């Protein structure tokens, strides 16, 4: 293979599989690449795109795994590479090539909520970490700030970036109050001994390699997969009667939930779409009961998106303990009075976390409704105690109404964006209520399961600011305004190894810290390597832990 010019970096852009999404988002990607190119040229480097704009497709993204492999065949294995993202992307489009690349790799995203570019980059980072690929990562609003420029200089000179991880404490090097560690480990032992079934409706969603937990790692925690087919879910939906679906809808309407219905199936949410979603909800519960599942995950993308409406309404209801009753065909109520924890986009790391969290909170006499969100974006805002960084946690609709201000009465269902959800269906939309939270993320690194966790607050913002943030992102989706204790924006981005973050409420701040400590002990008992992130009170650090390099995950 011919050599490559010095001071030249190749740029790749992984995109969506869905043509409409790639076309709609291309303008933002093009603008971002121009800013990034200017930043590199300022450092004396030339940028060359590794793949061209396609005039027929009307975008310049890698849009399949095959295309990614073909492009990498023509890349020198030691040339510096940048994967630049301003959109949601399918990581497997580039993962194959990156696993064998020998040169320095940098993932970059623009700090914007318009499209889920930050989310896409974080997913790629999680996939690379699981695959044991060395990489560095950066982000910027306009690629002229000191943080970005200094990081870029370091990468261009040394091939890696040292990130600030002073906020991270390893559980193995800390001491907890003895009663709390005992409570957590006792729960963990019981969880592992009793075992549980994770129902997986078609594994591997949207290139999310990081979301697939190898069976042997799950088995060590006491969880075993039941592999289910989305075709079976669709078939079961066909066996749900109109009357049964209407009963679910009537229950929701009686609780005050609102549906923004129209008549245009292509662009609006219709009542027929909602009734179809109610059928999916009933069918999912019945299948879960048939196989004895303790938690389930519906992929939806891909497969079901070509057959039926979005799964998000069903997912949000499943995650709520107070939900429309579902009966077997013989009249027995299924999972009565309980949530059936659902992990969006079959993110099995989130599924493990959701099930453990729900059960632990219930064991401690607390409401355990939990959900994942995308770590979408954020900006500083004065919440009344001075300016602080407020994250936008946003997911396509799987959040439980128990998390929202006014519960079901504060919940609406909006038509999912047509470029992602061609056949429609509604979200479960609301504003997360103010309160203390425990956040976490299970991920894979060095062939092991890890979990980062910490505490924070879901804060109230003025209605106008909430609307502005929705309009800057995806206004159809549920939102949480989150402040994380002791973790800066850049520390979070550098450390987090997934597009998703798990959240659960605590009654008050001190309790959130206690619950975080107990949960950490439970996770550790399952053999998961646990890391406290930020200010978690009551954790005594036994020894200093040196900051890790994102370019070389430890």
Protein backbone atom coordinates (compact mmCIF):
# COMPACT_ATOMS: atom_id res chain seq x y z
CA UNK A 1 0.00 0.00 0.00
CA UNK A 2 1.33 3.46 -0.89
CA UNK A 3 2.42 5.76 1.89
CA UNK A 4 0.33 8.75 2.95
CA UNK A 5 1.37 12.40 3.02
CA UNK A 6 2.68 13.75 6.32
CA UNK A 7 0.38 16.18 8.10
CA UNK A 8 -2.67 14.71 6.39
CA UNK A 9 -5.63 13.32 8.30
CA UNK A 10 -8.44 11.27 6.79
CA UNK A 11 -12.00 12.16 7.75
CA UNK A 12 -14.85 9.66 7.88
CA UNK A 13 -18.51 10.26 8.64
CA UNK A 14 -20.62 7.31 9.76
CA UNK A 15 -24.31 7.89 9.18
CA UNK A 16 -27.72 6.34 9.57
CA UNK A 17 -28.99 3.35 7.64
CA UNK A 18 -32.21 5.23 6.86
CA UNK A 19 -31.93 7.35 3.72
CA UNK A 20 -34.34 10.06 4.89
CA UNK A 21 -32.33 10.63 8.07
CA UNK A 22 -29.05 10.90 6.16
CA UNK A 23 -30.52 13.34 3.66
CA UNK A 24 -32.19 15.53 6.29
CA UNK A 25 -29.06 15.71 8.44
CA UNK A 26 -26.44 16.14 5.72
CA UNK A 27 -26.44 19.95 5.78
CA UNK A 28 -25.51 19.97 9.47
CA UNK A 29 -22.73 17.44 8.87
CA UNK A 30 -21.34 19.47 5.98
CA UNK A 31 -21.25 22.62 8.09
CA UNK A 32 -19.58 20.81 10.96
CA UNK A 33 -16.92 19.30 8.70
CA UNK A 34 -16.08 22.76 7.34
CA UNK A 35 -15.46 24.06 10.87
CA UNK A 36 -13.40 21.01 11.78
CA UNK A 37 -11.34 21.30 8.60
CA UNK A 38 -10.59 24.94 9.39
CA UNK A 39 -9.41 23.96 12.88
CA UNK A 40 -7.06 21.33 11.47
CA UNK A 41 -5.72 23.63 8.78
CA UNK A 42 -5.00 26.19 11.51
CA UNK A 43 -2.68 23.56 13.00
CA UNK A 44 -0.96 23.07 9.65
CA UNK A 45 -2.75 19.83 8.74
CA UNK A 46 -4.59 18.92 5.57
CA UNK A 47 -7.95 17.13 5.68
CA UNK A 48 -8.95 14.56 3.09
CA UNK A 49 -12.35 12.89 3.04
CA UNK A 50 -12.04 9.10 2.87
CA UNK A 51 -15.33 8.80 0.96
CA UNK A 52 -17.10 11.17 -1.37
CA UNK A 53 -20.51 12.82 -1.40
CA UNK A 54 -23.00 10.67 -3.33
CA UNK A 55 -25.11 12.85 -5.67
CA UNK A 56 -27.70 10.11 -6.11
CA UNK A 57 -28.19 9.49 -2.40
CA UNK A 58 -27.74 13.20 -1.70
CA UNK A 59 -25.48 12.74 1.30
CA UNK A 60 -21.87 11.89 2.09
CA UNK A 61 -22.25 9.39 4.93
CA UNK A 62 -21.08 5.83 5.24
CA UNK A 63 -24.48 4.18 5.30
CA UNK A 64 -23.71 0.46 5.59
CA UNK A 65 -21.18 -1.92 7.09
CA UNK A 66 -20.24 -3.08 3.60
CA UNK A 67 -19.53 0.46 2.45
CA UNK A 68 -17.35 1.04 5.50
CA UNK A 69 -15.32 -2.08 4.80
CA UNK A 70 -14.82 -1.06 1.17
CA UNK A 71 -13.61 2.41 2.17
CA UNK A 72 -11.17 1.04 4.76
CA UNK A 73 -9.57 -1.21 2.14
CA UNK A 74 -8.09 1.94 0.60
CA UNK A 75 -6.91 3.53 3.85
CA UNK A 76 -3.29 3.22 4.94
CA UNK A 77 -3.41 1.29 8.25
CA UNK A 78 -1.24 3.88 10.02
CA UNK A 79 -2.75 7.12 8.74
CA UNK A 80 -4.37 9.38 11.36
CA UNK A 81 -8.17 9.12 11.19
CA UNK A 82 -10.98 11.33 12.46
CA UNK A 83 -14.54 10.01 12.65
CA UNK A 84 -16.62 13.20 12.65
CA UNK A 85 -20.24 13.04 13.82
CA UNK A 86 -23.04 15.59 13.89
CA UNK A 87 -25.80 12.96 13.54
CA UNK A 88 -26.97 9.67 14.98
CA UNK A 89 -24.81 7.01 13.37
CA UNK A 90 -24.59 3.23 13.19
CA UNK A 91 -21.25 2.32 14.75
CA UNK A 92 -20.89 -0.95 12.85
CA UNK A 93 -20.48 1.08 9.63
CA UNK A 94 -16.93 1.90 10.79
CA UNK A 95 -16.22 -0.58 13.57
CA UNK A 96 -14.78 -3.31 11.36
CA UNK A 97 -12.22 -0.96 9.86
CA UNK A 98 -11.34 0.71 13.15
CA UNK A 99 -10.67 -2.62 14.89
CA UNK A 100 -7.65 -3.27 12.65
CA UNK A 101 -6.49 0.31 12.13
CA UNK A 102 -3.01 0.91 13.56
CA UNK A 103 -2.83 4.68 13.35
CA UNK A 104 -4.26 7.21 15.81
CA UNK A 105 -8.06 7.48 15.89
CA UNK A 106 -10.01 10.52 17.02
CA UNK A 107 -13.80 10.66 17.39
CA UNK A 108 -15.26 14.15 17.18
CA UNK A 109 -18.75 15.62 17.56
CA UNK A 110 -20.16 19.11 17.40
CA UNK A 111 -21.73 20.44 20.60
CA UNK A 112 -25.24 20.76 19.23
CA UNK A 113 -28.61 19.29 20.08
CA UNK A 114 -30.04 19.67 16.58
CA UNK A 115 -29.27 16.07 15.63
CA UNK A 116 -27.94 13.37 17.97
CA UNK A 117 -24.30 13.74 16.95
CA UNK A 118 -23.03 13.67 20.52
CA UNK A 119 -25.17 10.59 21.12
CA UNK A 120 -23.75 8.91 18.03
CA UNK A 121 -20.18 9.68 19.02
CA UNK A 122 -20.72 8.34 22.55
CA UNK A 123 -22.13 5.14 21.12
CA UNK A 124 -19.10 4.74 18.88
CA UNK A 125 -16.83 5.38 21.87
CA UNK A 126 -18.63 2.65 23.83
CA UNK A 127 -18.26 0.24 20.91
CA UNK A 128 -14.55 0.99 20.52
CA UNK A 129 -14.02 0.54 24.27
CA UNK A 130 -15.77 -2.84 24.22
CA UNK A 131 -13.72 -3.85 21.15
CA UNK A 132 -10.47 -2.83 22.92
CA UNK A 133 -9.60 -0.25 20.25
CA UNK A 134 -7.43 2.69 21.31
CA UNK A 135 -9.00 6.03 20.50
CA UNK A 136 -9.24 9.63 21.65
CA UNK A 137 -12.32 11.83 21.67
CA UNK A 138 -13.17 15.54 21.43
CA UNK A 139 -16.19 17.81 21.04
CA UNK A 140 -16.76 21.49 20.45
CA UNK A 141 -19.42 24.04 19.62
CA UNK A 142 -17.42 25.76 16.88
CA UNK A 143 -13.96 24.09 17.11
CA UNK A 144 -12.21 27.31 18.17
CA UNK A 145 -12.35 26.98 21.99
CA UNK A 146 -9.21 26.35 24.05
CA UNK A 147 -10.34 22.92 25.29
CA UNK A 148 -10.76 21.63 21.75
CA UNK A 149 -7.66 23.30 20.33
CA UNK A 150 -5.42 22.03 23.12
CA UNK A 151 -6.80 18.51 22.81
CA UNK A 152 -6.40 18.56 19.05
CA UNK A 153 -2.79 19.74 19.33
CA UNK A 154 -2.01 16.90 21.73
CA UNK A 155 -3.61 14.32 19.43
CA UNK A 156 -1.83 15.60 16.32
CA UNK A 157 1.52 15.58 18.12
CA UNK A 158 1.26 12.44 20.26
CA UNK A 159 -1.60 10.40 18.80
CA UNK A 160 -3.64 10.41 22.01
CA UNK A 161 -5.34 12.82 24.41
CA UNK A 162 -5.10 12.72 28.19
CA UNK A 163 -8.50 13.51 29.70
CA UNK A 164 -9.41 14.66 33.19
CA UNK A 165 -10.76 11.74 35.24
CA UNK A 166 -10.09 13.11 38.72
CA UNK A 167 -13.81 12.72 39.44
CA UNK A 168 -13.59 8.90 39.25
CA UNK A 169 -13.08 6.68 42.30
CA UNK A 170 -12.83 2.91 41.98
CA UNK A 171 -15.13 0.99 44.32
CA UNK A 172 -12.25 -1.38 44.98
CA UNK A 173 -10.23 1.43 46.55
CA UNK A 174 -13.03 2.94 48.65
CA UNK A 175 -14.74 2.18 51.93
CA UNK A 176 -18.51 2.43 52.49
CA UNK A 177 -20.51 2.47 55.71
CA UNK A 178 -20.59 -1.18 56.80
CA UNK A 179 -24.38 -1.43 57.06
CA UNK A 180 -24.83 -0.12 53.52
CA UNK A 181 -22.22 -2.40 52.00
CA UNK A 182 -23.83 -5.32 53.80
CA UNK A 183 -27.28 -4.35 52.49
CA UNK A 184 -26.02 -4.03 48.93
CA UNK A 185 -24.03 -7.24 48.93
CA UNK A 186 -26.87 -9.18 50.57
CA UNK A 187 -29.21 -7.98 47.85
CA UNK A 188 -26.63 -8.79 45.16
CA UNK A 189 -26.20 -12.35 46.42
CA UNK A 190 -29.96 -12.92 46.45
CA UNK A 191 -30.32 -11.39 42.98
CA UNK A 192 -27.63 -13.69 41.63
CA UNK A 193 -28.93 -16.81 43.37
CA UNK A 194 -32.55 -16.34 42.30
CA UNK A 195 -31.56 -15.73 38.66
CA UNK A 196 -33.62 -13.80 36.13
CA UNK A 197 -34.60 -13.92 32.46
CA UNK A 198 -33.89 -11.06 30.06
CA UNK A 199 -36.21 -11.21 27.07
CA UNK A 200 -34.42 -9.88 23.99
CA UNK A 201 -36.59 -9.13 20.96
CA UNK A 202 -33.90 -9.40 18.26
CA UNK A 203 -30.39 -8.54 19.37
CA UNK A 204 -28.25 -5.75 18.01
CA UNK A 205 -30.07 -2.49 17.32
CA UNK A 206 -28.72 0.22 14.98
CA UNK A 207 -25.11 -0.94 15.05
CA UNK A 208 -24.94 -0.72 18.86
CA UNK A 209 -22.24 -3.32 19.43
CA UNK A 210 -21.69 -1.87 22.89
CA UNK A 211 -25.28 -2.77 23.85
CA UNK A 212 -24.80 -6.53 23.39
CA UNK A 213 -23.53 -8.25 26.54
CA UNK A 214 -21.87 -11.63 25.92
CA UNK A 215 -23.88 -14.41 27.58
CA UNK A 216 -21.05 -15.52 29.84
CA UNK A 217 -20.77 -12.03 31.34
CA UNK A 218 -24.51 -11.86 31.95
CA UNK A 219 -24.63 -15.36 33.40
CA UNK A 220 -22.13 -14.36 36.07
CA UNK A 221 -24.66 -11.78 37.32
CA UNK A 222 -27.50 -14.32 37.46
CA UNK A 223 -29.24 -13.06 34.29
CA UNK A 224 -29.90 -15.33 31.31
CA UNK A 225 -31.21 -14.29 27.91
CA UNK A 226 -34.40 -15.52 26.31
CA UNK A 227 -33.93 -14.70 22.65
CA UNK A 228 -37.27 -13.70 21.18
CA UNK A 229 -38.29 -12.65 17.69
CA UNK A 230 -39.94 -9.39 16.78
CA UNK A 231 -41.85 -11.39 14.22
CA UNK A 232 -43.48 -13.19 17.15
CA UNK A 233 -44.32 -9.86 18.76
CA UNK A 234 -45.94 -8.66 15.54
CA UNK A 235 -47.88 -11.92 15.23
CA UNK A 236 -49.07 -11.62 18.83
CA UNK A 237 -50.26 -8.08 18.13
CA UNK A 238 -52.55 -9.47 15.46
CA UNK A 239 -54.20 -11.65 18.11
CA UNK A 240 -55.07 -8.70 20.35
CA UNK A 241 -58.65 -7.56 19.82
CA UNK A 242 -59.75 -4.02 19.07
CA UNK A 243 -61.74 -4.04 22.29
CA UNK A 244 -58.67 -4.95 24.35
CA UNK A 245 -56.65 -2.14 22.75
CA UNK A 246 -59.49 0.33 23.32
CA UNK A 247 -59.62 -0.66 27.00
CA UNK A 248 -55.95 0.27 27.41
CA UNK A 249 -56.51 3.58 25.63
CA UNK A 250 -59.58 4.36 27.75
CA UNK A 251 -57.53 3.70 30.90
CA UNK A 252 -54.89 6.20 29.75
CA UNK A 253 -57.45 8.84 28.79
CA UNK A 254 -59.15 8.46 32.18
CA UNK A 255 -55.78 9.16 33.85
CA UNK A 256 -55.48 12.40 31.88
CA UNK A 257 -52.92 11.39 29.26
CA UNK A 258 -53.21 13.45 26.07
CA UNK A 259 -52.82 12.31 22.48
CA UNK A 260 -52.04 14.83 19.77
CA UNK A 261 -54.07 13.11 17.06
CA UNK A 262 -54.50 14.17 13.45
CA UNK A 263 -55.68 12.49 10.28
CA UNK A 264 -52.59 12.29 8.04
CA UNK A 265 -50.97 8.90 8.65
CA UNK A 266 -47.72 9.99 6.98
CA UNK A 267 -47.05 13.02 9.17
CA UNK A 268 -49.44 12.96 12.14
CA UNK A 269 -50.26 10.69 15.03
CA UNK A 270 -53.62 9.05 14.45
CA UNK A 271 -55.92 7.23 16.82
CA UNK A 272 -55.43 4.06 14.79
CA UNK A 273 -51.66 4.29 15.35
CA UNK A 274 -52.20 4.66 19.09
CA UNK A 275 -54.52 1.65 19.19
CA UNK A 276 -51.88 -0.35 17.34
CA UNK A 277 -49.36 0.69 20.01
CA UNK A 278 -51.81 -0.48 22.69
CA UNK A 279 -51.90 -3.86 20.97
CA UNK A 280 -48.11 -3.99 21.04
CA UNK A 281 -48.16 -3.24 24.77
CA UNK A 282 -50.57 -6.08 25.47
CA UNK A 283 -48.71 -8.49 23.18
CA UNK A 284 -45.35 -7.69 24.80
CA UNK A 285 -46.67 -8.38 28.29
CA UNK A 286 -48.26 -11.66 27.19
CA UNK A 287 -45.06 -12.89 25.55
CA UNK A 288 -43.00 -11.83 28.57
CA UNK A 289 -45.34 -13.84 30.79
CA UNK A 290 -45.24 -16.84 28.45
CA UNK A 291 -41.46 -17.05 28.75
CA UNK A 292 -41.23 -15.92 32.38
CA UNK A 293 -39.24 -12.80 31.55
CA UNK A 294 -38.23 -10.38 34.30
CA UNK A 295 -37.20 -7.63 31.89
CA UNK A 296 -37.59 -7.22 28.13
CA UNK A 297 -36.12 -5.12 25.35
CA UNK A 298 -37.75 -4.41 21.99
CA UNK A 299 -35.38 -3.45 19.18
CA UNK A 300 -37.95 -1.87 16.85
CA UNK A 301 -35.10 -0.52 14.69
CA UNK A 302 -34.62 -2.45 12.42
CA UNK A 303 -37.39 -4.84 11.44
CA UNK A 304 -40.53 -3.70 13.21
CA UNK A 305 -40.15 -0.20 11.73
CA UNK A 306 -41.11 -1.68 8.36
CA UNK A 307 -44.18 -3.46 9.76
CA UNK A 308 -45.84 -1.38 12.41
CA UNK A 309 -45.88 1.69 14.62
CA UNK A 310 -43.23 2.78 17.10
CA UNK A 311 -42.71 0.77 20.28
CA UNK A 312 -42.18 3.77 22.57
CA UNK A 313 -45.67 4.03 24.05
CA UNK A 314 -45.53 0.37 25.02
CA UNK A 315 -42.05 0.84 26.49
CA UNK A 316 -43.03 3.80 28.66
CA UNK A 317 -46.07 1.97 30.02
CA UNK A 318 -44.02 -1.14 30.79
CA UNK A 319 -41.60 0.92 32.86
CA UNK A 320 -44.42 2.27 35.04
CA UNK A 321 -45.72 0.28 38.03
CA UNK A 322 -49.10 2.01 37.70
CA UNK A 323 -50.10 1.00 34.19
CA UNK A 324 -53.10 -0.32 32.24
CA UNK A 325 -53.87 -3.91 33.36
CA UNK A 326 -53.01 -6.66 30.89
CA UNK A 327 -54.74 -10.02 31.07
CA UNK A 328 -53.87 -13.38 29.65
CA UNK A 329 -56.25 -14.97 27.15
CA UNK A 330 -57.69 -16.89 30.11
CA UNK A 331 -58.36 -13.74 32.13
CA UNK A 332 -55.44 -13.68 34.60
CA UNK A 333 -53.85 -10.27 35.22
CA UNK A 334 -50.17 -10.35 34.29
CA UNK A 335 -47.45 -8.70 36.40
CA UNK A 336 -50.19 -7.10 38.49
CA UNK A 337 -49.11 -3.92 40.25
CA UNK A 338 -45.59 -4.15 38.87
CA UNK A 339 -43.49 -2.53 36.21
CA UNK A 340 -41.96 -4.86 33.63
CA UNK A 341 -38.64 -3.05 33.17
CA UNK A 342 -38.02 -2.37 29.49
CA UNK A 343 -34.64 -1.47 28.00
CA UNK A 344 -35.00 0.75 24.96
CA UNK A 345 -33.26 -0.33 21.73
CA UNK A 346 -32.39 -3.70 23.33
CA UNK A 347 -29.51 -2.08 25.21
CA UNK A 348 -28.69 -5.09 27.38
CA UNK A 349 -26.35 -3.08 29.61
CA UNK A 350 -29.31 -0.86 30.45
CA UNK A 351 -31.51 -3.93 30.89
CA UNK A 352 -29.23 -5.39 33.54
CA UNK A 353 -29.11 -2.00 35.28
CA UNK A 354 -32.88 -1.43 35.06
CA UNK A 355 -33.80 -4.79 36.53
CA UNK A 356 -31.33 -4.58 39.41
CA UNK A 357 -32.33 -0.99 40.17
CA UNK A 358 -36.06 -1.64 40.09
CA UNK A 359 -35.77 -4.63 42.39
CA UNK A 360 -33.32 -2.97 44.78
CA UNK A 361 -35.45 0.15 45.18
CA UNK A 362 -38.54 -2.01 45.79
CA UNK A 363 -36.62 -4.09 48.33
CA UNK A 364 -35.83 -0.84 50.16
CA UNK A 365 -39.49 0.21 50.10
CA UNK A 366 -39.13 2.80 47.33
CA UNK A 367 -40.68 3.36 43.92
CA UNK A 368 -38.23 1.89 41.44
CA UNK A 369 -39.44 3.19 38.09
CA UNK A 370 -36.35 3.70 35.99
CA UNK A 371 -35.46 4.50 32.42
CA UNK A 372 -32.53 5.15 30.17
CA UNK A 373 -32.11 8.43 28.32
CA UNK A 374 -29.81 9.57 25.57
CA UNK A 375 -27.07 11.85 26.86
CA UNK A 376 -28.18 14.30 24.20
CA UNK A 377 -26.74 17.77 24.88
CA UNK A 378 -26.73 20.57 27.45
CA UNK A 379 -25.91 24.16 28.32
CA UNK A 380 -25.29 26.24 31.42
CA UNK A 381 -28.28 27.87 33.09
CA UNK A 382 -28.98 29.74 36.31
CA UNK A 383 -31.33 27.44 38.19
CA UNK A 384 -31.60 29.80 41.15
CA UNK A 385 -28.42 28.73 42.91
CA UNK A 386 -26.12 30.27 40.35
CA UNK A 387 -25.20 29.12 36.87
CA UNK A 388 -24.53 25.41 36.47
CA UNK A 389 -24.38 22.96 33.61
CA UNK A 390 -27.81 21.45 32.92
CA UNK A 391 -27.86 18.36 30.73
CA UNK A 392 -30.63 17.50 28.31
CA UNK A 393 -31.45 13.85 28.87
CA UNK A 394 -33.78 12.82 26.06
CA UNK A 395 -35.10 9.50 24.78
CA UNK A 396 -37.59 8.58 22.07
CA UNK A 397 -40.40 7.87 24.50
CA UNK A 398 -39.64 4.97 26.85
CA UNK A 399 -39.68 7.05 30.04
CA UNK A 400 -42.34 6.12 32.62
CA UNK A 401 -45.09 8.67 33.42
CA UNK A 402 -44.12 8.33 37.10
CA UNK A 403 -41.04 10.39 36.22
CA UNK A 404 -43.05 13.32 34.85
CA UNK A 405 -44.52 16.38 36.49
CA UNK A 406 -48.21 15.53 37.15
CA UNK A 407 -47.72 11.88 36.15
CA UNK A 408 -50.14 10.72 33.47
CA UNK A 409 -51.87 14.11 33.49
CA UNK A 410 -48.55 15.66 32.50
CA UNK A 411 -47.94 13.06 29.79
CA UNK A 412 -48.69 13.46 26.11
CA UNK A 413 -48.10 11.33 23.04
CA UNK A 414 -46.72 13.02 19.92
CA UNK A 415 -46.16 11.58 16.46
CA UNK A 416 -42.65 10.24 16.14
CA UNK A 417 -40.49 12.00 13.50
CA UNK A 418 -41.26 10.55 10.10
CA UNK A 419 -37.61 10.32 9.03
CA UNK A 420 -36.99 7.78 11.82
CA UNK A 421 -40.50 6.30 12.18
CA UNK A 422 -42.14 5.98 8.76
CA UNK A 423 -45.26 4.21 10.07
CA UNK A 424 -45.78 6.61 12.94
CA UNK A 425 -46.85 5.91 16.47
CA UNK A 426 -46.53 8.19 19.45
CA UNK A 427 -43.95 8.94 22.10
CA UNK A 428 -44.47 9.14 25.86
CA UNK A 429 -43.65 12.81 26.34
CA UNK A 430 -43.30 14.75 29.56
CA UNK A 431 -40.99 16.92 31.64
CA UNK A 432 -39.21 14.98 34.37
CA UNK A 433 -40.18 16.21 37.82
CA UNK A 434 -37.62 17.95 40.03
CA UNK A 435 -35.91 15.66 42.50
CA UNK A 436 -32.78 13.79 43.47
CA UNK A 437 -31.56 11.07 41.12
CA UNK A 438 -29.04 8.27 40.97
CA UNK A 439 -27.51 7.87 37.52
CA UNK A 440 -25.47 4.97 36.16
CA UNK A 441 -24.13 3.21 33.12
CA UNK A 442 -23.12 -0.42 32.74
CA UNK A 443 -20.57 -0.97 29.96
CA UNK A 444 -17.89 -3.39 28.81
CA UNK A 445 -14.17 -2.78 28.95
CA UNK A 446 -11.22 -5.20 28.95
CA UNK A 447 -13.63 -8.11 28.58
CA UNK A 448 -15.42 -7.26 31.84
CA UNK A 449 -18.61 -5.55 32.93
CA UNK A 450 -18.11 -2.14 34.50
CA UNK A 451 -20.50 0.41 35.95
CA UNK A 452 -20.06 4.13 36.47
CA UNK A 453 -22.55 5.74 38.82
CA UNK A 454 -23.18 8.94 40.69
CA UNK A 455 -25.86 11.27 41.98
CA UNK A 456 -27.54 14.38 40.68
CA UNK A 457 -30.71 16.43 40.49
CA UNK A 458 -33.51 16.65 38.01
CA UNK A 459 -34.11 20.40 38.12
CA UNK A 460 -37.01 22.63 37.13
CA UNK A 461 -36.38 25.16 34.39
CA UNK A 462 -38.72 27.94 33.27
CA UNK A 463 -41.31 26.79 30.73
CA UNK A 464 -39.74 28.98 28.05
CA UNK A 465 -36.32 27.42 28.60
CA UNK A 466 -37.78 23.93 28.47
CA UNK A 467 -39.46 24.74 25.18
CA UNK A 468 -36.25 26.25 23.80
CA UNK A 469 -34.32 23.10 24.70
CA UNK A 470 -37.00 20.93 23.12
CA UNK A 471 -36.87 22.97 19.93
CA UNK A 472 -33.06 22.66 19.90
CA UNK A 473 -33.40 18.86 20.06
CA UNK A 474 -36.49 16.69 19.44
CA UNK A 475 -39.69 18.24 20.84
CA UNK A 476 -41.68 15.00 20.54
CA UNK A 477 -39.58 13.22 23.17
CA UNK A 478 -39.54 13.21 26.99
CA UNK A 479 -36.93 15.42 28.64
CA UNK A 480 -35.03 15.54 31.91
CA UNK A 481 -33.10 18.64 32.97
CA UNK A 482 -30.22 17.03 34.87
CA UNK A 483 -27.41 18.42 36.99
CA UNK A 484 -24.72 15.89 37.93
CA UNK A 485 -22.94 16.36 41.25
CA UNK A 486 -19.20 16.85 40.94
CA UNK A 487 -18.91 15.97 37.25
CA UNK A 488 -18.18 18.63 34.66
CA UNK A 489 -19.45 18.52 31.12
CA UNK A 490 -16.07 17.58 29.70
CA UNK A 491 -15.34 14.97 32.37
CA UNK A 492 -18.66 13.31 31.62
CA UNK A 493 -18.11 13.28 27.87
CA UNK A 494 -14.58 11.96 28.16
CA UNK A 495 -15.51 9.16 30.55
CA UNK A 496 -18.98 8.04 29.43
CA UNK A 497 -18.84 4.98 27.20
CA UNK A 498 -22.40 4.79 25.85
CA UNK A 499 -25.12 6.82 24.22
CA UNK A 500 -27.47 5.92 27.09
CA UNK A 501 -27.57 6.86 30.77
CA UNK A 502 -29.80 5.19 33.38
CA UNK A 503 -31.72 7.31 35.90
CA UNK A 504 -33.89 6.58 38.94
CA UNK A 505 -35.35 8.92 41.55
CA UNK A 506 -34.52 9.08 45.24
CA UNK A 507 -36.73 10.68 47.92
CA UNK A 508 -34.18 13.41 48.79
CA UNK A 509 -30.51 14.25 48.30
CA UNK A 510 -28.99 12.44 51.27
CA UNK A 511 -31.01 9.34 50.39
CA UNK A 512 -29.71 9.49 46.81
CA UNK A 513 -26.14 9.29 48.12
CA UNK A 514 -27.05 6.36 50.37
CA UNK A 515 -28.85 4.52 47.57
CA UNK A 516 -25.92 5.10 45.24
CA UNK A 517 -23.59 3.50 47.78
CA UNK A 518 -25.90 0.52 48.35
CA UNK A 519 -26.37 0.02 44.62
CA UNK A 520 -22.60 0.12 44.10
CA UNK A 521 -22.16 -2.67 46.64
CA UNK A 522 -24.89 -4.74 44.95
CA UNK A 523 -23.23 -4.33 41.56
CA UNK A 524 -19.84 -5.23 43.00
CA UNK A 525 -21.32 -8.39 44.52
CA UNK A 526 -22.37 -9.41 40.99
CA UNK A 527 -18.73 -9.18 39.91
CA UNK A 528 -19.12 -5.85 38.10
CA UNK A 529 -16.23 -3.39 38.41
CA UNK A 530 -17.79 -0.28 39.90
CA UNK A 531 -16.61 3.33 39.71
CA UNK A 532 -18.06 6.27 41.64
CA UNK A 533 -18.18 9.40 39.51
CA UNK A 534 -18.38 12.85 41.05
CA UNK A 535 -19.37 13.76 44.58
CA UNK A 536 -20.86 10.72 46.28
CA UNK A 537 -20.96 11.41 50.01
CA UNK A 538 -20.02 8.74 52.52
CA UNK A 539 -17.42 7.15 50.24
CA UNK A 540 -13.93 7.12 51.75
CA UNK A 541 -11.17 6.97 49.20
CA UNK A 542 -8.48 4.60 50.40
CA UNK A 543 -5.87 5.48 47.79
CA UNK A 544 -5.32 7.83 44.89
CA UNK A 545 -6.28 6.62 41.41
CA UNK A 546 -4.28 8.10 38.55
CA UNK A 547 -6.27 9.72 35.73
CA UNK A 548 -6.79 7.35 32.81
CA UNK A 549 -6.34 8.19 29.16
CA UNK A 550 -9.39 7.98 26.97
CA UNK A 551 -7.09 7.08 24.09
CA UNK A 552 -6.00 3.97 25.98
CA UNK A 553 -8.94 2.69 28.07
CA UNK A 554 -7.77 1.00 31.24
